[in-house]
N, C-alpha and C. Protein backbone atom coordinates (compact mmCIF):
# COMPACT_ATOMS: atom_id res chain seq x y z
N UNK A 1 7.03 -7.22 -2.80
CA UNK A 1 6.72 -6.95 -4.21
C UNK A 1 7.38 -8.01 -5.10
N UNK A 2 8.63 -8.36 -4.82
CA UNK A 2 9.31 -9.36 -5.65
C UNK A 2 8.59 -10.70 -5.61
N UNK A 3 8.13 -11.11 -4.43
CA UNK A 3 7.43 -12.39 -4.32
C UNK A 3 6.13 -12.37 -5.10
N UNK A 4 5.42 -11.25 -5.06
CA UNK A 4 4.14 -11.16 -5.77
C UNK A 4 4.33 -11.11 -7.28
N UNK A 5 5.30 -10.35 -7.75
CA UNK A 5 5.53 -10.28 -9.19
C UNK A 5 6.06 -11.62 -9.71
N UNK A 6 6.87 -12.30 -8.90
CA UNK A 6 7.36 -13.62 -9.31
C UNK A 6 6.22 -14.62 -9.45
N UNK A 7 5.14 -14.40 -8.71
CA UNK A 7 3.97 -15.27 -8.79
C UNK A 7 3.01 -14.84 -9.89
N UNK A 8 3.41 -13.82 -10.68
CA UNK A 8 2.60 -13.42 -11.82
C UNK A 8 1.65 -12.27 -11.58
N UNK A 9 1.77 -11.63 -10.45
CA UNK A 9 0.88 -10.50 -10.14
C UNK A 9 1.52 -9.18 -10.56
N UNK A 10 0.71 -8.25 -11.00
CA UNK A 10 1.16 -6.86 -11.16
C UNK A 10 0.90 -6.18 -9.82
N UNK A 11 1.83 -5.36 -9.37
CA UNK A 11 1.75 -4.75 -8.04
C UNK A 11 1.79 -3.23 -8.14
N UNK A 12 0.86 -2.60 -7.47
CA UNK A 12 0.90 -1.15 -7.29
C UNK A 12 0.98 -0.91 -5.79
N UNK A 13 2.05 -0.28 -5.34
CA UNK A 13 2.23 0.00 -3.91
C UNK A 13 2.25 1.51 -3.73
N UNK A 14 1.62 1.98 -2.67
CA UNK A 14 1.55 3.42 -2.46
C UNK A 14 2.05 3.78 -1.07
N UNK A 15 2.52 5.01 -0.94
CA UNK A 15 2.83 5.58 0.36
C UNK A 15 1.61 6.37 0.80
N UNK A 16 1.09 6.08 1.98
CA UNK A 16 -0.04 6.83 2.52
C UNK A 16 0.40 8.23 2.90
N UNK A 17 -0.56 9.11 3.04
CA UNK A 17 -0.27 10.47 3.50
C UNK A 17 0.61 10.41 4.76
N UNK A 18 1.65 11.25 4.77
CA UNK A 18 2.52 11.31 5.94
C UNK A 18 3.54 10.21 6.01
N UNK A 19 3.55 9.30 5.05
CA UNK A 19 4.46 8.16 5.05
C UNK A 19 5.29 8.16 3.77
N UNK A 20 6.50 7.65 3.87
CA UNK A 20 7.34 7.48 2.69
C UNK A 20 7.55 8.77 1.92
N UNK A 21 7.31 8.72 0.61
CA UNK A 21 7.57 9.87 -0.26
C UNK A 21 6.32 10.71 -0.51
N UNK A 22 5.18 10.34 0.10
CA UNK A 22 3.99 11.18 -0.02
C UNK A 22 4.20 12.47 0.78
N UNK A 23 3.32 13.44 0.54
CA UNK A 23 3.41 14.68 1.30
C UNK A 23 3.24 14.41 2.79
N UNK A 24 3.85 15.28 3.61
CA UNK A 24 3.84 15.12 5.07
C UNK A 24 3.24 16.34 5.75
N UNK A 25 1.98 16.68 5.48
CA UNK A 25 1.42 17.83 6.19
C UNK A 25 1.34 17.53 7.69
N UNK A 26 1.35 18.56 8.51
CA UNK A 26 1.30 18.39 9.96
C UNK A 26 -0.06 18.77 10.53
N UNK A 27 -1.03 19.02 9.68
CA UNK A 27 -2.37 19.40 10.09
C UNK A 27 -3.24 18.14 10.20
N UNK A 28 -3.76 17.81 11.40
CA UNK A 28 -4.60 16.62 11.53
C UNK A 28 -5.80 16.59 10.59
N UNK A 29 -6.28 17.74 10.15
CA UNK A 29 -7.43 17.79 9.24
C UNK A 29 -7.10 17.16 7.88
N UNK A 30 -5.83 16.99 7.58
CA UNK A 30 -5.42 16.41 6.29
C UNK A 30 -5.32 14.89 6.34
N UNK A 31 -5.65 14.30 7.49
CA UNK A 31 -5.44 12.86 7.69
C UNK A 31 -6.74 12.14 8.02
N UNK A 32 -6.59 10.90 8.38
CA UNK A 32 -7.69 10.01 8.70
C UNK A 32 -7.79 8.92 7.65
N UNK A 33 -8.15 7.72 8.10
CA UNK A 33 -8.22 6.58 7.19
C UNK A 33 -9.28 6.76 6.12
N UNK A 34 -10.37 7.47 6.41
CA UNK A 34 -11.39 7.70 5.38
C UNK A 34 -10.83 8.53 4.24
N UNK A 35 -10.03 9.54 4.56
CA UNK A 35 -9.41 10.35 3.51
C UNK A 35 -8.41 9.51 2.71
N UNK A 36 -7.67 8.65 3.41
CA UNK A 36 -6.71 7.78 2.73
C UNK A 36 -7.42 6.76 1.85
N UNK A 37 -8.60 6.31 2.27
CA UNK A 37 -9.38 5.39 1.42
C UNK A 37 -9.78 6.08 0.12
N UNK A 38 -10.16 7.34 0.20
CA UNK A 38 -10.48 8.08 -1.03
C UNK A 38 -9.24 8.22 -1.91
N UNK A 39 -8.08 8.48 -1.29
CA UNK A 39 -6.83 8.54 -2.05
C UNK A 39 -6.61 7.24 -2.81
N UNK A 40 -6.81 6.12 -2.13
CA UNK A 40 -6.56 4.81 -2.73
C UNK A 40 -7.50 4.55 -3.91
N UNK A 41 -8.77 4.90 -3.75
CA UNK A 41 -9.71 4.69 -4.85
C UNK A 41 -9.39 5.59 -6.04
N UNK A 42 -8.90 6.81 -5.78
CA UNK A 42 -8.47 7.68 -6.88
C UNK A 42 -7.26 7.08 -7.61
N UNK A 43 -6.36 6.46 -6.84
CA UNK A 43 -5.21 5.81 -7.47
C UNK A 43 -5.67 4.66 -8.37
N UNK A 44 -6.62 3.87 -7.89
CA UNK A 44 -7.14 2.77 -8.71
C UNK A 44 -7.79 3.31 -9.98
N UNK A 45 -8.50 4.44 -9.87
CA UNK A 45 -9.06 5.08 -11.06
C UNK A 45 -7.96 5.41 -12.07
N UNK A 46 -6.85 5.96 -11.57
CA UNK A 46 -5.74 6.34 -12.45
C UNK A 46 -5.08 5.12 -13.08
N UNK A 47 -4.96 4.04 -12.32
CA UNK A 47 -4.37 2.81 -12.86
C UNK A 47 -5.29 2.21 -13.92
N UNK A 48 -6.60 2.35 -13.72
CA UNK A 48 -7.56 1.96 -14.74
C UNK A 48 -7.86 0.47 -14.82
N UNK A 49 -7.95 -0.20 -13.67
CA UNK A 49 -8.28 -1.63 -13.67
C UNK A 49 -9.73 -1.84 -13.29
N UNK A 50 -10.31 -2.93 -13.78
CA UNK A 50 -11.70 -3.25 -13.47
C UNK A 50 -11.84 -3.98 -12.15
N UNK A 51 -10.79 -4.73 -11.77
CA UNK A 51 -10.77 -5.49 -10.52
C UNK A 51 -9.37 -5.47 -9.96
N UNK A 52 -9.27 -5.58 -8.64
CA UNK A 52 -7.95 -5.65 -8.02
C UNK A 52 -8.06 -6.35 -6.67
N UNK A 53 -6.95 -6.94 -6.27
CA UNK A 53 -6.82 -7.54 -4.95
C UNK A 53 -6.18 -6.49 -4.05
N UNK A 54 -6.67 -6.37 -2.84
CA UNK A 54 -6.24 -5.30 -1.95
C UNK A 54 -5.68 -5.89 -0.66
N UNK A 55 -4.47 -5.46 -0.32
CA UNK A 55 -3.80 -5.91 0.90
C UNK A 55 -3.43 -4.69 1.72
N UNK A 56 -3.81 -4.69 2.99
CA UNK A 56 -3.45 -3.59 3.88
C UNK A 56 -3.09 -4.12 5.25
N UNK A 57 -2.14 -3.46 5.87
CA UNK A 57 -1.67 -3.91 7.20
C UNK A 57 -1.75 -2.76 8.19
N UNK A 58 -2.29 -3.03 9.38
CA UNK A 58 -2.38 -2.05 10.46
C UNK A 58 -3.25 -0.87 10.01
N UNK A 59 -2.72 0.34 10.00
CA UNK A 59 -3.49 1.47 9.50
C UNK A 59 -3.97 1.18 8.08
N UNK A 60 -3.11 0.56 7.27
CA UNK A 60 -3.49 0.19 5.91
C UNK A 60 -4.60 -0.85 5.87
N UNK A 61 -4.71 -1.67 6.91
CA UNK A 61 -5.81 -2.62 7.00
C UNK A 61 -7.13 -1.92 7.21
N UNK A 62 -7.12 -0.88 8.03
CA UNK A 62 -8.34 -0.11 8.25
C UNK A 62 -8.71 0.64 6.97
N UNK A 63 -7.71 1.23 6.31
CA UNK A 63 -7.96 1.91 5.03
C UNK A 63 -8.55 0.91 4.04
N UNK A 64 -7.98 -0.27 3.96
CA UNK A 64 -8.45 -1.28 3.01
C UNK A 64 -9.87 -1.74 3.33
N UNK A 65 -10.19 -1.89 4.60
CA UNK A 65 -11.56 -2.26 4.98
C UNK A 65 -12.54 -1.19 4.53
N UNK A 66 -12.18 0.07 4.73
CA UNK A 66 -13.05 1.17 4.29
C UNK A 66 -13.22 1.15 2.78
N UNK A 67 -12.14 0.94 2.04
CA UNK A 67 -12.23 0.88 0.58
C UNK A 67 -13.15 -0.26 0.15
N UNK A 68 -12.98 -1.42 0.77
CA UNK A 68 -13.76 -2.60 0.37
C UNK A 68 -15.25 -2.44 0.66
N UNK A 69 -15.62 -1.54 1.57
CA UNK A 69 -17.05 -1.29 1.81
C UNK A 69 -17.64 -0.40 0.72
N UNK A 70 -16.78 0.28 -0.06
CA UNK A 70 -17.26 1.27 -1.03
C UNK A 70 -16.92 0.94 -2.48
N UNK A 71 -15.94 0.08 -2.72
CA UNK A 71 -15.46 -0.11 -4.08
C UNK A 71 -15.71 -1.55 -4.55
N UNK A 72 -16.67 -1.76 -5.44
CA UNK A 72 -16.97 -3.11 -5.91
C UNK A 72 -15.87 -3.72 -6.77
N UNK A 73 -14.85 -2.93 -7.12
CA UNK A 73 -13.73 -3.48 -7.90
C UNK A 73 -12.82 -4.36 -7.06
N UNK A 74 -12.93 -4.31 -5.73
CA UNK A 74 -12.07 -5.15 -4.87
C UNK A 74 -12.49 -6.60 -5.07
N UNK A 75 -11.59 -7.39 -5.65
CA UNK A 75 -11.88 -8.79 -5.96
C UNK A 75 -11.59 -9.70 -4.77
N UNK A 76 -10.45 -9.47 -4.12
CA UNK A 76 -10.06 -10.22 -2.92
C UNK A 76 -9.42 -9.22 -1.96
N UNK A 77 -9.55 -9.51 -0.67
CA UNK A 77 -9.10 -8.58 0.35
C UNK A 77 -8.28 -9.30 1.41
N UNK A 78 -7.18 -8.68 1.82
CA UNK A 78 -6.38 -9.20 2.92
C UNK A 78 -6.20 -8.08 3.94
N UNK A 79 -6.70 -8.30 5.15
CA UNK A 79 -6.60 -7.34 6.23
C UNK A 79 -5.65 -7.89 7.28
N UNK A 80 -4.52 -7.22 7.48
CA UNK A 80 -3.53 -7.70 8.43
C UNK A 80 -3.32 -6.71 9.57
N UNK A 81 -2.94 -7.25 10.73
CA UNK A 81 -2.57 -6.40 11.86
C UNK A 81 -3.73 -5.69 12.53
N UNK A 82 -4.95 -6.14 12.27
CA UNK A 82 -6.13 -5.57 12.94
C UNK A 82 -7.03 -6.71 13.38
N UNK A 83 -7.88 -6.43 14.37
CA UNK A 83 -8.74 -7.49 14.89
C UNK A 83 -10.05 -6.94 15.40
N UNK A 84 -10.46 -7.39 16.57
CA UNK A 84 -11.78 -7.06 17.12
C UNK A 84 -11.98 -5.56 17.32
N UNK A 85 -10.91 -4.80 17.51
CA UNK A 85 -11.04 -3.36 17.70
C UNK A 85 -11.75 -2.68 16.55
N UNK A 86 -11.58 -3.20 15.34
CA UNK A 86 -12.24 -2.61 14.17
C UNK A 86 -13.76 -2.74 14.31
N UNK A 87 -14.21 -3.87 14.81
CA UNK A 87 -15.64 -4.10 15.00
C UNK A 87 -16.16 -3.33 16.21
N UNK A 88 -15.44 -3.42 17.31
CA UNK A 88 -15.93 -2.90 18.60
C UNK A 88 -15.69 -1.41 18.79
N UNK A 89 -14.67 -0.86 18.11
CA UNK A 89 -14.31 0.55 18.32
C UNK A 89 -14.27 1.36 17.03
N UNK A 90 -14.44 0.70 15.89
CA UNK A 90 -14.45 1.42 14.63
C UNK A 90 -13.08 1.67 14.02
N UNK A 91 -12.03 1.14 14.61
CA UNK A 91 -10.69 1.37 14.07
C UNK A 91 -9.65 0.62 14.87
N UNK A 92 -8.44 1.17 14.94
CA UNK A 92 -7.38 0.53 15.70
C UNK A 92 -7.81 0.40 17.16
N UNK A 93 -7.31 -0.63 17.80
CA UNK A 93 -7.75 -0.94 19.17
C UNK A 93 -7.15 0.04 20.17
N UNK A 94 -7.95 1.05 20.53
CA UNK A 94 -7.51 2.08 21.47
C UNK A 94 -7.38 1.56 22.89
N UNK A 95 -7.83 0.34 23.14
CA UNK A 95 -7.67 -0.25 24.47
C UNK A 95 -6.22 -0.64 24.70
N UNK A 96 -5.48 -0.89 23.62
CA UNK A 96 -4.07 -1.26 23.73
C UNK A 96 -3.25 -0.02 24.05
N UNK A 97 -3.45 1.03 23.28
CA UNK A 97 -2.80 2.32 23.55
C UNK A 97 -3.66 3.41 22.91
N UNK A 98 -3.94 4.43 23.69
CA UNK A 98 -4.78 5.52 23.19
C UNK A 98 -4.03 6.32 22.14
N UNK A 99 -4.78 6.77 21.12
CA UNK A 99 -4.18 7.53 20.01
C UNK A 99 -3.58 8.86 20.49
N UNK A 100 -4.21 9.48 21.49
CA UNK A 100 -3.65 10.75 21.97
C UNK A 100 -2.30 10.53 22.65
N UNK A 101 -2.12 9.37 23.30
CA UNK A 101 -0.83 9.08 23.92
C UNK A 101 0.24 8.83 22.85
N UNK A 102 -0.15 8.17 21.76
CA UNK A 102 0.78 7.97 20.65
C UNK A 102 1.17 9.33 20.07
N UNK A 103 0.19 10.18 19.82
CA UNK A 103 0.47 11.51 19.25
C UNK A 103 1.37 12.31 20.19
N UNK A 104 1.06 12.29 21.49
CA UNK A 104 1.91 13.00 22.45
C UNK A 104 3.35 12.48 22.42
N UNK A 105 3.49 11.17 22.32
CA UNK A 105 4.83 10.58 22.28
C UNK A 105 5.58 10.98 21.02
N UNK A 106 4.88 11.03 19.91
CA UNK A 106 5.51 11.43 18.65
C UNK A 106 5.90 12.90 18.65
N UNK A 107 5.15 13.71 19.37
CA UNK A 107 5.41 15.15 19.42
C UNK A 107 6.41 15.54 20.51
N UNK A 108 6.72 14.62 21.40
CA UNK A 108 7.60 14.95 22.54
C UNK A 108 8.98 15.36 22.05
N UNK A 109 9.50 16.44 22.62
CA UNK A 109 10.84 16.90 22.26
C UNK A 109 11.90 15.92 22.73
N UNK A 110 11.65 15.23 23.84
CA UNK A 110 12.62 14.30 24.42
C UNK A 110 11.91 12.98 24.71
N UNK A 111 12.27 11.90 24.02
CA UNK A 111 11.58 10.63 24.24
C UNK A 111 11.75 10.07 25.65
N UNK A 112 12.73 10.55 26.40
CA UNK A 112 12.93 10.02 27.75
C UNK A 112 11.79 10.41 28.69
N UNK A 113 10.95 11.36 28.30
CA UNK A 113 9.84 11.77 29.17
C UNK A 113 8.58 10.95 28.89
N UNK A 114 8.61 10.06 27.90
CA UNK A 114 7.44 9.25 27.55
C UNK A 114 7.33 8.10 28.54
N UNK A 115 6.24 8.06 29.29
CA UNK A 115 6.12 7.04 30.32
C UNK A 115 5.21 5.87 29.95
N UNK A 116 4.52 5.94 28.80
CA UNK A 116 3.68 4.84 28.35
C UNK A 116 4.52 3.94 27.44
N UNK A 117 4.76 2.68 27.85
CA UNK A 117 5.65 1.81 27.07
C UNK A 117 5.18 1.58 25.62
N UNK A 118 3.87 1.43 25.41
CA UNK A 118 3.37 1.19 24.06
C UNK A 118 3.56 2.43 23.19
N UNK A 119 3.27 3.61 23.75
CA UNK A 119 3.46 4.86 23.00
C UNK A 119 4.94 5.08 22.71
N UNK A 120 5.79 4.76 23.67
CA UNK A 120 7.24 4.88 23.45
C UNK A 120 7.68 3.95 22.33
N UNK A 121 7.10 2.75 22.28
CA UNK A 121 7.42 1.81 21.21
C UNK A 121 7.09 2.37 19.84
N UNK A 122 5.92 3.02 19.72
CA UNK A 122 5.56 3.67 18.45
C UNK A 122 6.59 4.74 18.09
N UNK A 123 6.98 5.54 19.08
CA UNK A 123 7.94 6.62 18.84
C UNK A 123 9.28 6.06 18.37
N UNK A 124 9.77 5.06 19.07
CA UNK A 124 11.09 4.51 18.72
C UNK A 124 11.08 3.84 17.35
N UNK A 125 9.97 3.16 17.03
CA UNK A 125 9.88 2.54 15.70
C UNK A 125 9.84 3.62 14.62
N UNK A 126 9.06 4.67 14.83
CA UNK A 126 8.97 5.75 13.85
C UNK A 126 10.33 6.40 13.64
N UNK A 127 11.06 6.62 14.73
CA UNK A 127 12.39 7.20 14.61
C UNK A 127 13.33 6.27 13.83
N UNK A 128 13.23 4.97 14.09
CA UNK A 128 14.12 4.01 13.42
C UNK A 128 13.87 3.97 11.92
N UNK A 129 12.65 4.35 11.51
CA UNK A 129 12.31 4.36 10.08
C UNK A 129 12.58 5.71 9.43
N UNK A 130 13.03 6.69 10.22
CA UNK A 130 13.26 8.03 9.68
C UNK A 130 11.97 8.76 9.34
N UNK A 131 10.90 8.43 10.03
CA UNK A 131 9.59 9.01 9.74
C UNK A 131 9.48 10.45 10.20
N UNK A 132 8.57 11.17 9.58
CA UNK A 132 8.23 12.52 10.00
C UNK A 132 7.31 12.38 11.21
N UNK A 133 7.84 12.62 12.41
CA UNK A 133 7.10 12.36 13.64
C UNK A 133 5.84 13.22 13.75
N UNK A 134 5.92 14.47 13.31
CA UNK A 134 4.76 15.35 13.42
C UNK A 134 3.66 14.96 12.44
N UNK A 135 4.03 14.43 11.29
CA UNK A 135 3.03 13.94 10.34
C UNK A 135 2.32 12.71 10.92
N UNK A 136 3.08 11.81 11.52
CA UNK A 136 2.46 10.63 12.12
C UNK A 136 1.59 11.00 13.31
N UNK A 137 2.01 12.01 14.07
CA UNK A 137 1.18 12.48 15.18
C UNK A 137 -0.13 13.05 14.66
N UNK A 138 -0.08 13.77 13.55
CA UNK A 138 -1.30 14.32 12.97
C UNK A 138 -2.25 13.20 12.56
N UNK A 139 -1.72 12.11 11.99
CA UNK A 139 -2.55 10.96 11.64
C UNK A 139 -3.13 10.33 12.91
N UNK A 140 -2.32 10.18 13.94
CA UNK A 140 -2.82 9.57 15.18
C UNK A 140 -3.98 10.37 15.76
N UNK A 141 -3.92 11.68 15.61
CA UNK A 141 -4.99 12.53 16.15
C UNK A 141 -6.25 12.48 15.28
N UNK A 142 -6.16 11.92 14.08
CA UNK A 142 -7.29 11.85 13.16
C UNK A 142 -7.72 10.42 12.87
N UNK A 143 -7.24 9.48 13.65
CA UNK A 143 -7.48 8.06 13.35
C UNK A 143 -8.96 7.71 13.37
N UNK A 144 -9.31 6.75 12.54
CA UNK A 144 -10.68 6.27 12.39
C UNK A 144 -11.25 5.84 13.74
N UNK A 145 -12.45 6.31 14.06
CA UNK A 145 -13.10 5.92 15.31
C UNK A 145 -14.61 5.75 15.12
N UNK A 146 -15.06 5.76 13.88
CA UNK A 146 -16.49 5.58 13.61
C UNK A 146 -16.72 4.18 13.05
N UNK A 147 -17.91 3.67 13.28
CA UNK A 147 -18.23 2.32 12.84
C UNK A 147 -18.00 2.16 11.34
N UNK A 148 -17.36 1.06 10.99
CA UNK A 148 -17.15 0.72 9.58
C UNK A 148 -18.22 -0.31 9.20
N UNK A 149 -18.97 -0.09 8.13
CA UNK A 149 -20.03 -1.04 7.76
C UNK A 149 -19.45 -2.29 7.08
N UNK A 150 -18.83 -3.12 7.89
CA UNK A 150 -18.12 -4.29 7.37
C UNK A 150 -19.03 -5.25 6.62
N UNK A 151 -20.32 -5.22 6.92
CA UNK A 151 -21.27 -6.09 6.24
C UNK A 151 -21.39 -5.77 4.76
N UNK A 152 -20.89 -4.60 4.34
CA UNK A 152 -20.92 -4.23 2.92
C UNK A 152 -19.77 -4.83 2.12
N UNK A 153 -18.81 -5.42 2.80
CA UNK A 153 -17.67 -6.04 2.10
C UNK A 153 -18.15 -7.33 1.44
N UNK A 154 -17.99 -7.41 0.13
CA UNK A 154 -18.41 -8.61 -0.60
C UNK A 154 -17.24 -9.46 -1.06
N UNK A 155 -16.04 -8.93 -1.03
CA UNK A 155 -14.86 -9.67 -1.49
C UNK A 155 -14.48 -10.76 -0.49
N UNK A 156 -14.09 -11.93 -0.97
CA UNK A 156 -13.53 -12.92 -0.06
C UNK A 156 -12.34 -12.30 0.68
N UNK A 157 -12.31 -12.48 1.99
CA UNK A 157 -11.35 -11.75 2.83
C UNK A 157 -10.53 -12.70 3.69
N UNK A 158 -9.25 -12.42 3.77
CA UNK A 158 -8.34 -13.12 4.67
C UNK A 158 -7.92 -12.14 5.75
N UNK A 159 -8.16 -12.48 7.00
CA UNK A 159 -7.75 -11.67 8.14
C UNK A 159 -6.49 -12.31 8.71
N UNK A 160 -5.38 -11.58 8.66
CA UNK A 160 -4.08 -12.11 9.10
C UNK A 160 -3.70 -11.44 10.42
N UNK A 161 -3.39 -12.27 11.41
CA UNK A 161 -3.04 -11.72 12.73
C UNK A 161 -1.93 -12.54 13.37
N UNK A 162 -1.02 -11.82 14.01
CA UNK A 162 0.02 -12.47 14.79
C UNK A 162 -0.53 -12.92 16.13
N UNK A 163 -0.10 -14.07 16.58
CA UNK A 163 -0.62 -14.62 17.83
C UNK A 163 -0.22 -13.78 19.04
N UNK A 164 0.82 -12.95 18.90
CA UNK A 164 1.24 -12.08 20.00
C UNK A 164 0.98 -10.60 19.69
N UNK A 165 0.08 -10.33 18.77
CA UNK A 165 -0.20 -8.95 18.37
C UNK A 165 -1.43 -8.43 19.10
N UNK A 166 -1.21 -7.59 20.11
CA UNK A 166 -2.33 -7.03 20.89
C UNK A 166 -3.21 -6.14 20.03
N UNK A 167 -2.66 -5.51 18.99
CA UNK A 167 -3.45 -4.65 18.12
C UNK A 167 -4.35 -5.45 17.18
N UNK A 168 -4.09 -6.74 17.05
CA UNK A 168 -4.91 -7.61 16.21
C UNK A 168 -5.56 -8.71 17.03
N UNK A 169 -5.87 -8.41 18.29
CA UNK A 169 -6.46 -9.40 19.18
C UNK A 169 -7.83 -9.84 18.67
N UNK A 170 -8.13 -11.09 18.89
CA UNK A 170 -9.41 -11.71 18.52
C UNK A 170 -9.79 -11.45 17.07
N UNK A 171 -8.94 -11.85 16.13
CA UNK A 171 -9.23 -11.61 14.71
C UNK A 171 -10.49 -12.31 14.24
N UNK A 172 -10.91 -13.35 14.95
CA UNK A 172 -12.13 -14.06 14.57
C UNK A 172 -13.37 -13.16 14.68
N UNK A 173 -13.34 -12.17 15.57
CA UNK A 173 -14.45 -11.22 15.68
C UNK A 173 -14.56 -10.38 14.41
N UNK A 174 -13.41 -9.95 13.91
CA UNK A 174 -13.40 -9.19 12.65
C UNK A 174 -13.87 -10.07 11.50
N UNK A 175 -13.35 -11.29 11.42
CA UNK A 175 -13.75 -12.19 10.33
C UNK A 175 -15.25 -12.47 10.37
N UNK A 176 -15.83 -12.62 11.56
CA UNK A 176 -17.25 -12.92 11.68
C UNK A 176 -18.13 -11.75 11.22
N UNK A 177 -17.59 -10.54 11.24
CA UNK A 177 -18.37 -9.36 10.82
C UNK A 177 -18.38 -9.16 9.31
N UNK A 178 -17.58 -9.96 8.59
CA UNK A 178 -17.48 -9.88 7.13
C UNK A 178 -18.10 -11.14 6.55
N UNK A 179 -18.88 -10.99 5.49
CA UNK A 179 -19.66 -12.11 4.96
C UNK A 179 -18.83 -13.33 4.62
N UNK A 180 -17.71 -13.15 3.96
CA UNK A 180 -16.89 -14.27 3.49
C UNK A 180 -15.45 -14.05 3.92
N UNK A 181 -15.16 -14.37 5.19
CA UNK A 181 -13.81 -14.11 5.71
C UNK A 181 -13.31 -15.29 6.52
N UNK A 182 -12.01 -15.49 6.42
CA UNK A 182 -11.34 -16.51 7.23
C UNK A 182 -10.14 -15.87 7.91
N UNK A 183 -9.68 -16.52 8.97
CA UNK A 183 -8.55 -16.03 9.76
C UNK A 183 -7.33 -16.88 9.46
N UNK A 184 -6.20 -16.20 9.28
CA UNK A 184 -4.90 -16.87 9.17
C UNK A 184 -4.03 -16.33 10.30
N UNK A 185 -3.78 -17.17 11.29
CA UNK A 185 -2.94 -16.77 12.42
C UNK A 185 -1.52 -17.25 12.17
N UNK A 186 -0.58 -16.43 12.59
CA UNK A 186 0.82 -16.80 12.46
C UNK A 186 1.59 -16.31 13.68
N UNK A 187 2.69 -16.92 14.01
CA UNK A 187 3.43 -16.48 15.19
C UNK A 187 4.01 -15.09 14.99
N UNK A 188 4.07 -14.34 16.08
CA UNK A 188 4.72 -13.05 16.01
C UNK A 188 3.85 -11.92 16.51
N UNK A 189 4.50 -10.75 16.66
CA UNK A 189 3.81 -9.56 17.11
C UNK A 189 3.52 -8.64 15.92
N UNK A 190 3.13 -7.41 16.21
CA UNK A 190 2.68 -6.49 15.18
C UNK A 190 3.77 -6.16 14.15
N UNK A 191 5.01 -6.13 14.59
CA UNK A 191 6.10 -5.79 13.67
C UNK A 191 6.67 -7.03 12.97
N UNK A 192 6.56 -8.19 13.60
CA UNK A 192 7.15 -9.40 13.03
C UNK A 192 6.33 -9.95 11.86
N UNK A 193 5.02 -9.85 11.96
CA UNK A 193 4.16 -10.49 10.94
C UNK A 193 4.41 -9.98 9.53
N UNK A 194 4.40 -8.65 9.29
CA UNK A 194 4.57 -8.22 7.90
C UNK A 194 5.96 -8.50 7.32
N UNK A 195 6.91 -8.81 8.18
CA UNK A 195 8.26 -9.14 7.70
C UNK A 195 8.41 -10.62 7.39
N UNK A 196 7.43 -11.42 7.77
CA UNK A 196 7.54 -12.88 7.60
C UNK A 196 7.13 -13.29 6.19
N UNK A 197 7.81 -14.28 5.65
CA UNK A 197 7.53 -14.71 4.27
C UNK A 197 6.13 -15.31 4.16
N UNK A 198 5.60 -15.91 5.21
CA UNK A 198 4.24 -16.47 5.15
C UNK A 198 3.21 -15.38 4.91
N UNK A 199 3.45 -14.21 5.45
CA UNK A 199 2.52 -13.10 5.21
C UNK A 199 2.64 -12.64 3.77
């Protein structure tokens, strides 16, 4: 936020459902990226701007892609931490780790029983952030899995992917599905990229 405001931008940042200071329901019916996209568009209505630049990373990248297919106010779009899985599977790349395994890991009473390394990584990261594990599990169980009409995105788009990020593999496939998109690759994995100043 400091870097963006220093460059002259006004910034509105939100906590998605189940994250940060937003409500943390544990019912999967209260989640899903499509519902979060509606939340985001309602927030833009409340802010009252005619145009805005939209940046989303990982789950937020999927939410942002959904918003950009529906909201003509999106002037420029940056999708980070996602790749070919959005085109081929309709959302996060379930070939890397299945959402049900992530949810099971988040719900596990004892993390030592988690035998999937990728799911364990999600659990340990969530714990390190002080996240509500059951809220995140509910989101994992409701994650986007339907085709996103990426051809409806009209905003110039930057697809940002770490070269070692399995969840953002083959970002060029995602960029090719959007009318005006380019890829920006940078070193790092899924957690390193959003912390880097280049991002």
